[in-house]
Amino acid sequence: MNKKLFLTILLIIAFAFVAVACGGSETEEPAPEEPAAEEPAEPEEPAEPEEPAATNKLRVGIYEYMTNGIPFDEQVEACMTATGMDIEVLPIPGEEAAWQAITQKMQLEAQDEYASWDLIYGPTPFIEPGAMAPLGLLEPLDDWFPQEFWDDIYEGVQKEVTSTHDGKKYHIPLWSDVFGLIYRPSMLEAAVGTTEPPKSWDEIISYCEQIEEHYGDEISCFGADWPWSHREFTPMMGTYTSDMFTEEGLWNLDDPAALKALQVMEELYPYMPDNAAESLGSSKTFQASGVAMMIYWQAQVLRATQAGVPEDDVAIASFPAGDNENTLFWSGGIMVPTYSENKEGAVQFISECILGEQSIRDIFNNFKIVPFKSAVKMLTDDGTMPEWAPPLIALLDVAQAIPSNTLYLTIEQPIFQEEIEKMMLTDQTPEQTLENIKTRIQQAMEETQ
């Protein structure tokens, strides 16, 4: 069987375990339009090297759900006015934005040296680029931008967008979702006697004992999406080690931090709401005033206030510490197909438009962090930095991101979910759970090789 076809099939099967974590809308995508013909340059006025980016049509594919909180159409209109670029926006609906579907589409088009889009807005490094880069479907972006551009990105995010396949960068990060502790100050004050959030896992357990005593079954103390390893286990493990991943991009399960994280998860489980096994289940219960504290990324603060939680009674703090302060994050951004017909235009669009001042403000207003130091300095200097952001930004240089490869989606998460359910719902111990995960991942890696 063709090796690339085999990999595509493997990715499609594996996606069933984690598709719920990626989200998206479920509408039908219109057929992509043919690129517009180029206008011939006037012979008496030869084009500058940058001219093709300003005159050729730029086909921008954007995941449809990405436009919900960001005025993308306004950004594009402003870009065309400022640069003279001809931009065609092609929304990619949820079912076709799913990484296994879009990978298959791009792989089929690549056989004809064609791509439907010149850039794609929305991918996350450990999902789409992790799957597509080894297949040769994406343009390495290292040399398309000057070194000072990359140096402006926080160190942790630079590592995130660097593929473990070949050490190259296939993704431009536009925003980062950073895990923190979201809490209800009024509930903490009523049960614990302070509005200050706990700063460590030991303090969280102490708070939970008091919250349970005060509220009984009325309020759950702690919320997390425990079946999804990137939503509790992995960020928690990172607070007990600075060596969370191996060189090939797998969890470093020989580190004692792996067992410690499983033990803390087991200890916190009784304090969780009944729907904590659902994707965003704890967040939904938090929105209904049924959870006092939860670990999520910052957008869930916005979801809570949208659901009616008073703005002055929801806050986010740094992720709880174990042996050190750390957290997990992932970034959304842009990737450029290998067969993009307007790579120069894609670079111009990123540099001059999407990372322009108004776009940066729009992203922060949507409760996301632009992971560029210059962007953070701009908002800090003019006093417009949102109050929720600084504690999370401070961790971007040391925080650990899921490596940019397919191992998490195709191997680690499916195995983890099966084993963590045995630990939480049966009598399997953390020690047995860790040993099972290690053995099964080793077997899966041997089979793929």
Protein backbone atom coordinates (compact mmCIF):
# COMPACT_ATOMS: atom_id res chain seq x y z
CA MET A 1 0.00 0.00 0.00
CA ASN A 2 1.24 3.53 -0.76
CA LYS A 3 2.93 4.84 2.38
CA LYS A 4 1.25 8.26 2.25
CA LEU A 5 -2.18 6.70 1.72
CA PHE A 6 -1.54 4.40 4.68
CA LEU A 7 -0.66 7.38 6.90
CA THR A 8 -3.75 9.28 5.81
CA ILE A 9 -5.97 6.30 6.69
CA LEU A 10 -4.24 5.98 10.06
CA LEU A 11 -4.82 9.66 10.83
CA ILE A 12 -8.52 9.43 9.90
CA ILE A 13 -9.05 6.47 12.22
CA ALA A 14 -7.20 8.12 15.09
CA PHE A 15 -9.15 11.37 14.78
CA ALA A 16 -12.30 9.67 16.06
CA PHE A 17 -10.78 9.68 19.55
CA VAL A 18 -10.10 13.41 19.68
CA ALA A 19 -12.30 15.19 17.16
CA VAL A 20 -14.46 16.58 19.93
CA ALA A 21 -11.48 18.52 21.27
CA CYS A 22 -11.03 20.48 18.05
CA GLY A 23 -14.51 21.99 17.54
CA GLY A 24 -15.91 23.77 14.51
CA SER A 25 -19.16 24.47 12.69
CA GLU A 26 -21.11 21.99 10.60
CA THR A 27 -22.05 23.76 7.39
CA GLU A 28 -21.41 22.89 3.79
CA GLU A 29 -18.45 24.46 2.00
CA PRO A 30 -18.97 26.11 -1.40
CA ALA A 31 -16.79 24.81 -4.19
CA PRO A 32 -13.49 26.71 -4.32
CA GLU A 33 -13.30 29.32 -7.04
CA GLU A 34 -10.62 29.32 -9.72
CA PRO A 35 -7.78 31.79 -9.09
CA ALA A 36 -8.09 35.02 -11.02
CA ALA A 37 -5.80 35.51 -14.01
CA GLU A 38 -2.79 37.73 -13.50
CA GLU A 39 -2.77 41.19 -15.08
CA PRO A 40 0.26 41.61 -17.38
CA ALA A 41 2.71 44.22 -16.13
CA GLU A 42 3.09 47.41 -18.12
CA PRO A 43 6.31 47.07 -20.16
CA GLU A 44 7.48 50.61 -19.37
CA GLU A 45 7.08 50.06 -15.59
CA PRO A 46 8.69 46.76 -14.53
CA ALA A 47 7.27 45.35 -11.33
CA GLU A 48 9.14 45.62 -8.04
CA PRO A 49 9.94 42.26 -6.37
CA GLU A 50 6.99 42.81 -4.02
CA GLU A 51 4.55 43.56 -6.86
CA PRO A 52 3.11 40.04 -7.32
CA ALA A 53 1.87 40.04 -3.72
CA ALA A 54 0.00 43.30 -4.39
CA THR A 55 -1.55 42.33 -7.71
CA ASN A 56 -2.15 38.55 -7.63
CA LYS A 57 -5.27 37.28 -5.93
CA LEU A 58 -4.63 35.87 -2.48
CA ARG A 59 -6.95 33.00 -1.62
CA VAL A 60 -7.39 32.95 2.15
CA GLY A 61 -8.93 29.80 3.59
CA ILE A 62 -10.26 30.37 7.12
CA TYR A 63 -11.87 27.89 9.48
CA GLU A 64 -15.44 29.11 9.61
CA TYR A 65 -15.74 29.09 13.41
CA MET A 66 -12.68 31.36 13.69
CA THR A 67 -14.75 34.32 12.52
CA ASN A 68 -17.12 34.08 15.51
CA GLY A 69 -15.13 36.30 17.84
CA ILE A 70 -12.86 38.22 15.45
CA PRO A 71 -14.08 40.78 12.85
CA PHE A 72 -12.13 39.01 10.12
CA ASP A 73 -14.04 40.53 7.20
CA GLU A 74 -13.26 44.01 8.53
CA GLN A 75 -9.60 43.09 8.86
CA VAL A 76 -9.52 41.89 5.26
CA GLU A 77 -11.25 45.02 3.95
CA ALA A 78 -8.80 47.22 5.83
CA CYS A 79 -5.91 45.16 4.46
CA MET A 80 -7.07 45.51 0.85
CA THR A 81 -7.51 49.26 1.30
CA ALA A 82 -4.08 49.71 2.86
CA THR A 83 -2.08 47.42 0.56
CA GLY A 84 -4.05 47.18 -2.67
CA MET A 85 -4.04 43.39 -2.39
CA ASP A 86 -6.82 41.39 -4.05
CA ILE A 87 -8.01 38.99 -1.32
CA GLU A 88 -10.61 36.28 -1.69
CA VAL A 89 -11.85 34.80 1.60
CA LEU A 90 -12.86 31.13 1.38
CA PRO A 91 -14.54 29.91 4.60
CA ILE A 92 -13.76 26.28 5.45
CA PRO A 93 -16.72 24.71 7.31
CA GLY A 94 -16.28 22.52 10.36
CA GLU A 95 -16.48 19.10 8.74
CA GLU A 96 -13.87 20.06 6.15
CA ALA A 97 -11.67 21.91 8.64
CA ALA A 98 -11.25 18.70 10.62
CA TRP A 99 -7.56 17.94 10.26
CA GLN A 100 -7.93 14.47 8.79
CA ALA A 101 -10.30 15.76 6.09
CA ILE A 102 -8.22 18.79 5.15
CA THR A 103 -5.04 16.69 5.12
CA GLN A 104 -6.60 14.25 2.70
CA LYS A 105 -7.87 17.06 0.47
CA MET A 106 -4.46 18.74 0.31
CA GLN A 107 -2.71 15.43 -0.30
CA LEU A 108 -4.96 14.67 -3.29
CA GLU A 109 -4.49 18.17 -4.71
CA ALA A 110 -0.72 17.95 -4.27
CA GLN A 111 -0.65 15.12 -6.80
CA ASP A 112 -1.55 17.80 -9.38
CA GLU A 113 0.76 20.37 -7.74
CA TYR A 114 -2.25 22.47 -6.75
CA ALA A 115 -3.69 23.92 -3.54
CA SER A 116 -7.14 25.46 -3.06
CA TRP A 117 -5.76 28.11 -0.73
CA ASP A 118 -2.68 30.33 -0.62
CA LEU A 119 -2.80 30.33 3.17
CA ILE A 120 -5.00 28.72 5.80
CA TYR A 121 -6.07 30.63 8.91
CA GLY A 122 -6.89 28.59 12.02
CA PRO A 123 -4.58 25.54 12.37
CA THR A 124 -2.87 24.46 15.60
CA PRO A 125 0.77 23.22 15.42
CA PHE A 126 0.26 19.79 16.98
CA ILE A 127 -2.75 19.08 14.75
CA GLU A 128 -2.62 20.11 11.08
CA PRO A 129 1.06 21.05 10.67
CA GLY A 130 2.02 18.02 12.73
CA ALA A 131 0.23 15.79 10.22
CA MET A 132 0.97 17.68 7.01
CA ALA A 133 4.63 18.70 7.31
CA PRO A 134 6.00 15.13 7.10
CA LEU A 135 3.91 14.64 3.94
CA GLY A 136 5.50 17.63 2.20
CA LEU A 137 2.20 19.53 2.06
CA LEU A 138 3.37 22.73 3.78
CA GLU A 139 5.89 25.44 2.99
CA PRO A 140 8.66 25.86 5.60
CA LEU A 141 8.38 29.46 6.75
CA ASP A 142 11.76 29.94 8.47
CA ASP A 143 13.33 31.89 5.59
CA TRP A 144 10.21 33.81 4.57
CA PHE A 145 10.49 36.03 7.65
CA PRO A 146 13.58 37.78 9.11
CA GLN A 147 15.18 36.44 12.27
CA GLU A 148 13.95 39.41 14.29
CA PHE A 149 10.40 38.30 13.47
CA TRP A 150 10.99 34.89 15.05
CA ASP A 151 12.91 36.40 17.98
CA ASP A 152 9.85 38.53 18.79
CA ILE A 153 7.83 35.36 19.50
CA TYR A 154 7.92 34.05 23.06
CA GLU A 155 10.41 31.20 23.42
CA GLY A 156 7.84 28.58 24.43
CA VAL A 157 5.75 29.38 21.35
CA GLN A 158 8.82 29.23 19.09
CA LYS A 159 9.37 25.68 20.29
CA GLU A 160 5.70 24.88 19.71
CA VAL A 161 5.75 25.87 16.04
CA THR A 162 9.00 24.01 15.33
CA SER A 163 8.29 20.60 13.82
CA THR A 164 9.94 17.62 15.50
CA HIS A 165 9.99 16.06 12.01
CA ASP A 166 12.77 18.26 10.59
CA GLY A 167 13.25 21.21 12.95
CA LYS A 168 11.55 23.68 10.58
CA LYS A 169 8.67 26.07 11.23
CA TYR A 170 5.44 25.52 9.30
CA HIS A 171 3.12 27.72 11.38
CA ILE A 172 2.79 31.41 12.23
CA PRO A 173 1.17 31.77 15.68
CA LEU A 174 -1.44 34.51 15.88
CA TRP A 175 -2.87 33.76 19.31
CA SER A 176 -2.24 31.43 22.22
CA ASP A 177 -4.70 29.74 24.55
CA VAL A 178 -3.00 29.36 27.94
CA PHE A 179 -4.25 27.18 30.78
CA GLY A 180 -4.93 28.95 34.04
CA LEU A 181 -7.11 28.58 37.13
CA ILE A 182 -10.56 30.12 36.61
CA TYR A 183 -12.54 30.67 39.81
CA ARG A 184 -15.51 32.35 41.53
CA PRO A 185 -14.17 34.75 44.19
CA SER A 186 -17.52 34.86 46.03
CA MET A 187 -17.56 31.09 46.46
CA LEU A 188 -14.02 31.02 47.76
CA GLU A 189 -14.77 33.78 50.24
CA ALA A 190 -17.90 32.02 51.50
CA ALA A 191 -16.22 28.65 51.98
CA VAL A 192 -12.55 29.43 52.61
CA GLY A 193 -12.70 32.99 53.95
CA THR A 194 -10.63 34.60 51.17
CA THR A 195 -11.05 35.70 47.57
CA GLU A 196 -7.43 34.74 46.86
CA PRO A 197 -7.13 31.67 44.63
CA PRO A 198 -5.00 28.66 45.62
CA LYS A 199 -1.51 28.71 44.18
CA SER A 200 -0.64 25.01 44.24
CA TRP A 201 -2.26 21.61 43.88
CA ASP A 202 -1.90 21.04 47.63
CA GLU A 203 -3.77 24.29 48.29
CA ILE A 204 -6.49 23.31 45.80
CA ILE A 205 -7.11 20.08 47.69
CA SER A 206 -7.24 22.02 50.97
CA TYR A 207 -9.72 24.50 49.44
CA CYS A 208 -11.83 21.63 48.11
CA GLU A 209 -12.16 20.07 51.55
CA GLN A 210 -13.52 23.39 52.88
CA ILE A 211 -15.76 24.03 49.87
CA GLU A 212 -17.28 20.55 50.19
CA GLU A 213 -17.87 21.10 53.89
CA HIS A 214 -19.53 24.48 53.24
CA TYR A 215 -21.60 23.74 50.13
CA GLY A 216 -22.10 19.98 50.29
CA ASP A 217 -23.50 18.64 47.02
CA GLU A 218 -24.70 22.09 45.92
CA ILE A 219 -21.35 23.16 44.46
CA SER A 220 -18.53 21.07 43.00
CA CYS A 221 -15.14 22.36 44.03
CA PHE A 222 -13.02 21.57 40.99
CA GLY A 223 -13.55 21.14 37.25
CA ALA A 224 -11.42 19.77 34.40
CA ASP A 225 -11.93 17.69 31.26
CA TRP A 226 -10.06 14.71 32.70
CA PRO A 227 -10.40 12.26 29.71
CA TRP A 228 -8.46 14.69 27.47
CA SER A 229 -4.82 14.51 28.46
CA HIS A 230 -4.01 17.98 27.14
CA ARG A 231 -6.69 19.46 29.42
CA GLU A 232 -5.53 18.09 32.78
CA PHE A 233 -2.80 15.42 32.80
CA THR A 234 -0.26 17.11 30.52
CA PRO A 235 -0.41 20.64 32.00
CA MET A 236 -0.40 19.16 35.50
CA MET A 237 2.62 16.97 34.69
CA GLY A 238 4.45 20.08 33.49
CA THR A 239 4.22 21.59 36.97
CA TYR A 240 6.33 18.73 38.34
CA THR A 241 9.06 18.61 35.67
CA SER A 242 10.84 20.75 33.10
CA ASP A 243 11.57 17.63 31.06
CA MET A 244 8.06 16.64 30.01
CA PHE A 245 8.78 15.42 26.47
CA THR A 246 11.35 13.16 24.84
CA GLU A 247 13.40 14.28 21.85
CA GLU A 248 10.99 12.53 19.48
CA GLY A 249 8.06 14.40 21.01
CA LEU A 250 6.45 11.79 23.27
CA TRP A 251 5.58 12.21 26.95
CA ASN A 252 8.58 11.46 29.15
CA LEU A 253 6.73 8.85 31.18
CA ASP A 254 9.89 7.72 32.97
CA ASP A 255 9.93 11.05 34.77
CA PRO A 256 8.34 10.77 38.27
CA ALA A 257 6.13 13.72 37.31
CA ALA A 258 3.92 11.41 35.21
CA LEU A 259 2.92 9.27 38.20
CA LYS A 260 2.56 12.34 40.43
CA ALA A 261 0.12 13.91 37.97
CA LEU A 262 -2.00 10.75 37.86
CA GLN A 263 -2.07 10.61 41.65
CA VAL A 264 -3.22 14.24 41.95
CA MET A 265 -5.88 13.63 39.27
CA GLU A 266 -7.21 10.68 41.27
CA GLU A 267 -7.30 12.78 44.43
CA LEU A 268 -9.22 15.60 42.72
CA TYR A 269 -11.73 13.37 40.94
CA PRO A 270 -14.28 13.18 43.84
CA TYR A 271 -14.54 16.98 43.84
CA MET A 272 -15.55 17.19 40.15
CA PRO A 273 -19.05 17.62 38.67
CA ASP A 274 -20.77 14.60 37.11
CA ASN A 275 -20.27 15.93 33.58
CA ALA A 276 -16.50 16.42 33.94
CA ALA A 277 -15.98 13.50 31.53
CA GLU A 278 -17.61 15.55 28.75
CA SER A 279 -15.71 18.01 26.60
CA LEU A 280 -16.17 21.41 28.32
CA GLY A 281 -18.56 19.76 30.77
CA SER A 282 -17.01 21.42 33.81
CA SER A 283 -17.05 24.78 32.05
CA LYS A 284 -20.77 24.44 31.36
CA THR A 285 -21.41 23.64 35.02
CA PHE A 286 -19.23 26.61 36.02
CA GLN A 287 -21.38 28.81 33.77
CA ALA A 288 -24.42 27.54 35.70
CA SER A 289 -22.73 28.45 39.03
CA GLY A 290 -22.16 24.80 39.92
CA VAL A 291 -18.33 24.79 40.09
CA ALA A 292 -16.07 26.97 42.23
CA MET A 293 -12.72 26.47 40.39
CA MET A 294 -11.64 24.92 37.09
CA ILE A 295 -8.58 24.65 34.88
CA TYR A 296 -9.17 25.87 31.33
CA TRP A 297 -7.83 28.33 28.83
CA GLN A 298 -8.78 31.97 29.15
CA ALA A 299 -11.64 32.01 26.63
CA GLN A 300 -13.76 30.11 29.17
CA VAL A 301 -13.85 33.29 31.27
CA LEU A 302 -15.59 34.97 28.36
CA ARG A 303 -17.97 32.02 27.97
CA ALA A 304 -18.91 32.32 31.65
CA THR A 305 -19.74 36.02 31.46
CA GLN A 306 -21.68 35.44 28.25
CA ALA A 307 -23.73 32.85 30.14
CA GLY A 308 -24.58 35.37 32.86
CA VAL A 309 -21.85 34.96 35.48
CA PRO A 310 -21.17 38.48 36.85
CA GLU A 311 -17.95 39.91 35.41
CA ASP A 312 -16.79 40.92 38.89
CA ASP A 313 -17.27 37.36 40.17
CA VAL A 314 -15.13 35.40 37.72
CA ALA A 315 -11.36 35.62 37.53
CA ILE A 316 -8.37 33.75 36.15
CA ALA A 317 -5.03 33.21 37.85
CA SER A 318 -1.81 31.44 36.97
CA PHE A 319 -1.99 27.69 36.62
CA PRO A 320 -1.52 25.95 39.99
CA ALA A 321 2.06 25.01 40.82
CA GLY A 322 3.47 21.63 41.67
CA ASP A 323 7.22 21.65 42.22
CA ASN A 324 7.43 24.62 39.84
CA GLU A 325 5.25 27.13 38.02
CA ASN A 326 4.29 26.01 34.56
CA THR A 327 1.32 25.44 32.31
CA LEU A 328 0.32 24.13 28.90
CA PHE A 329 -0.76 26.20 25.91
CA TRP A 330 -1.48 25.84 22.24
CA SER A 331 -1.57 28.42 19.48
CA GLY A 332 -3.79 29.05 16.51
CA GLY A 333 -2.46 30.69 13.39
CA ILE A 334 -1.55 30.36 9.75
CA MET A 335 0.07 27.75 7.53
CA VAL A 336 1.00 28.06 3.85
CA PRO A 337 0.50 25.11 1.47
CA THR A 338 3.50 23.94 -0.55
CA TYR A 339 1.57 24.64 -3.76
CA SER A 340 0.30 28.06 -2.74
CA GLU A 341 0.20 30.23 -5.87
CA ASN A 342 0.92 33.46 -3.98
CA LYS A 343 3.40 32.86 -1.18
CA GLU A 344 4.69 36.43 -1.38
CA GLY A 345 1.15 37.69 -0.87
CA ALA A 346 0.68 35.33 2.07
CA VAL A 347 3.77 36.74 3.76
CA GLN A 348 2.62 40.31 3.12
CA PHE A 349 -0.85 39.53 4.48
CA ILE A 350 0.63 38.09 7.67
CA SER A 351 3.21 40.83 8.23
CA GLU A 352 1.22 43.93 7.30
CA CYS A 353 -2.37 42.97 8.05
CA ILE A 354 -3.01 40.08 10.40
CA LEU A 355 -0.26 41.19 12.75
CA GLY A 356 -1.22 44.85 12.44
CA GLU A 357 -2.23 46.97 15.43
CA GLN A 358 -6.01 46.63 15.09
CA SER A 359 -5.86 42.88 14.52
CA ILE A 360 -3.75 42.49 17.65
CA ARG A 361 -6.33 44.41 19.67
CA ASP A 362 -9.15 42.33 18.18
CA ILE A 363 -7.42 39.10 19.23
CA PHE A 364 -6.88 40.27 22.82
CA ASN A 365 -10.50 41.48 22.96
CA ASN A 366 -11.52 37.92 22.09
CA PHE A 367 -9.72 36.67 25.24
CA LYS A 368 -6.71 35.33 23.37
CA ILE A 369 -3.03 36.24 23.70
CA VAL A 370 -0.93 37.44 20.77
CA PRO A 371 2.38 35.67 21.55
CA PHE A 372 4.64 38.42 20.22
CA LYS A 373 6.66 40.50 22.69
CA SER A 374 6.13 43.67 20.66
CA ALA A 375 2.35 43.20 20.77
CA VAL A 376 2.38 42.73 24.53
CA LYS A 377 4.59 45.81 24.93
CA MET A 378 2.24 47.90 22.77
CA LEU A 379 -0.79 47.13 24.93
CA THR A 380 1.19 47.44 28.16
CA ASP A 381 2.64 50.82 27.22
CA ASP A 382 -0.69 52.36 26.23
CA GLY A 383 -2.54 50.92 29.22
CA THR A 384 -4.97 48.73 27.26
CA MET A 385 -3.67 45.32 28.34
CA PRO A 386 -6.62 43.28 29.72
CA GLU A 387 -6.34 42.51 33.43
CA TRP A 388 -6.66 38.76 32.89
CA ALA A 389 -3.68 38.53 30.53
CA PRO A 390 -0.42 39.33 32.43
CA PRO A 391 -0.36 36.24 34.71
CA LEU A 392 -0.69 33.99 31.66
CA ILE A 393 1.72 35.91 29.44
CA ALA A 394 4.38 35.59 32.12
CA LEU A 395 4.45 31.81 31.58
CA LEU A 396 4.86 31.80 27.79
CA ASP A 397 8.66 31.66 27.93
CA VAL A 398 8.70 28.65 30.25
CA ALA A 399 5.41 26.91 29.46
CA GLN A 400 5.51 23.64 27.56
CA ALA A 401 3.45 23.03 24.44
CA ILE A 402 2.43 19.76 22.80
CA PRO A 403 5.13 19.02 20.20
CA SER A 404 4.31 19.57 16.53
CA ASN A 405 3.88 15.99 15.31
CA THR A 406 1.14 13.36 14.96
CA LEU A 407 2.09 11.25 17.98
CA TYR A 408 -0.30 12.92 20.42
CA LEU A 409 -3.36 12.54 18.18
CA THR A 410 -2.67 9.10 16.78
CA ILE A 411 -1.05 7.32 19.73
CA GLU A 412 -0.90 9.08 23.09
CA GLN A 413 -4.41 10.49 23.50
CA PRO A 414 -6.38 7.38 22.38
CA ILE A 415 -4.36 5.16 24.73
CA PHE A 416 -4.52 7.67 27.59
CA GLN A 417 -8.28 8.05 27.37
CA GLU A 418 -8.89 4.32 27.64
CA GLU A 419 -6.53 3.90 30.59
CA ILE A 420 -7.59 7.01 32.52
CA GLU A 421 -11.22 5.87 32.35
CA LYS A 422 -10.16 2.60 34.00
CA MET A 423 -8.41 4.58 36.74
CA MET A 424 -11.25 7.00 37.38
CA LEU A 425 -14.18 4.61 36.97
CA THR A 426 -12.78 1.29 38.22
CA ASP A 427 -10.19 0.21 40.76
CA GLN A 428 -7.13 0.56 38.50
CA THR A 429 -4.39 2.37 40.44
CA PRO A 430 -2.29 5.29 39.15
CA GLU A 431 0.73 2.97 39.14
CA GLN A 432 -1.06 0.39 36.99
CA THR A 433 -2.41 3.14 34.74
CA LEU A 434 1.05 4.56 34.10
CA GLU A 435 2.53 1.14 33.37
CA ASN A 436 -0.28 0.32 30.93
CA ILE A 437 0.12 3.64 29.12
CA LYS A 438 3.89 3.19 28.82
CA THR A 439 3.60 -0.37 27.54
CA ARG A 440 0.88 0.40 25.01
CA ILE A 441 2.66 3.50 23.64
CA GLN A 442 5.87 1.52 23.22
CA GLN A 443 3.97 -1.21 21.35
CA ALA A 444 2.23 1.35 19.12
CA MET A 445 5.52 3.04 18.27
CA GLU A 446 7.09 -0.30 17.36
CA GLU A 447 4.15 -1.12 15.09
CA THR A 448 4.35 2.22 13.26
CA GLN A 449 8.08 1.80 12.68
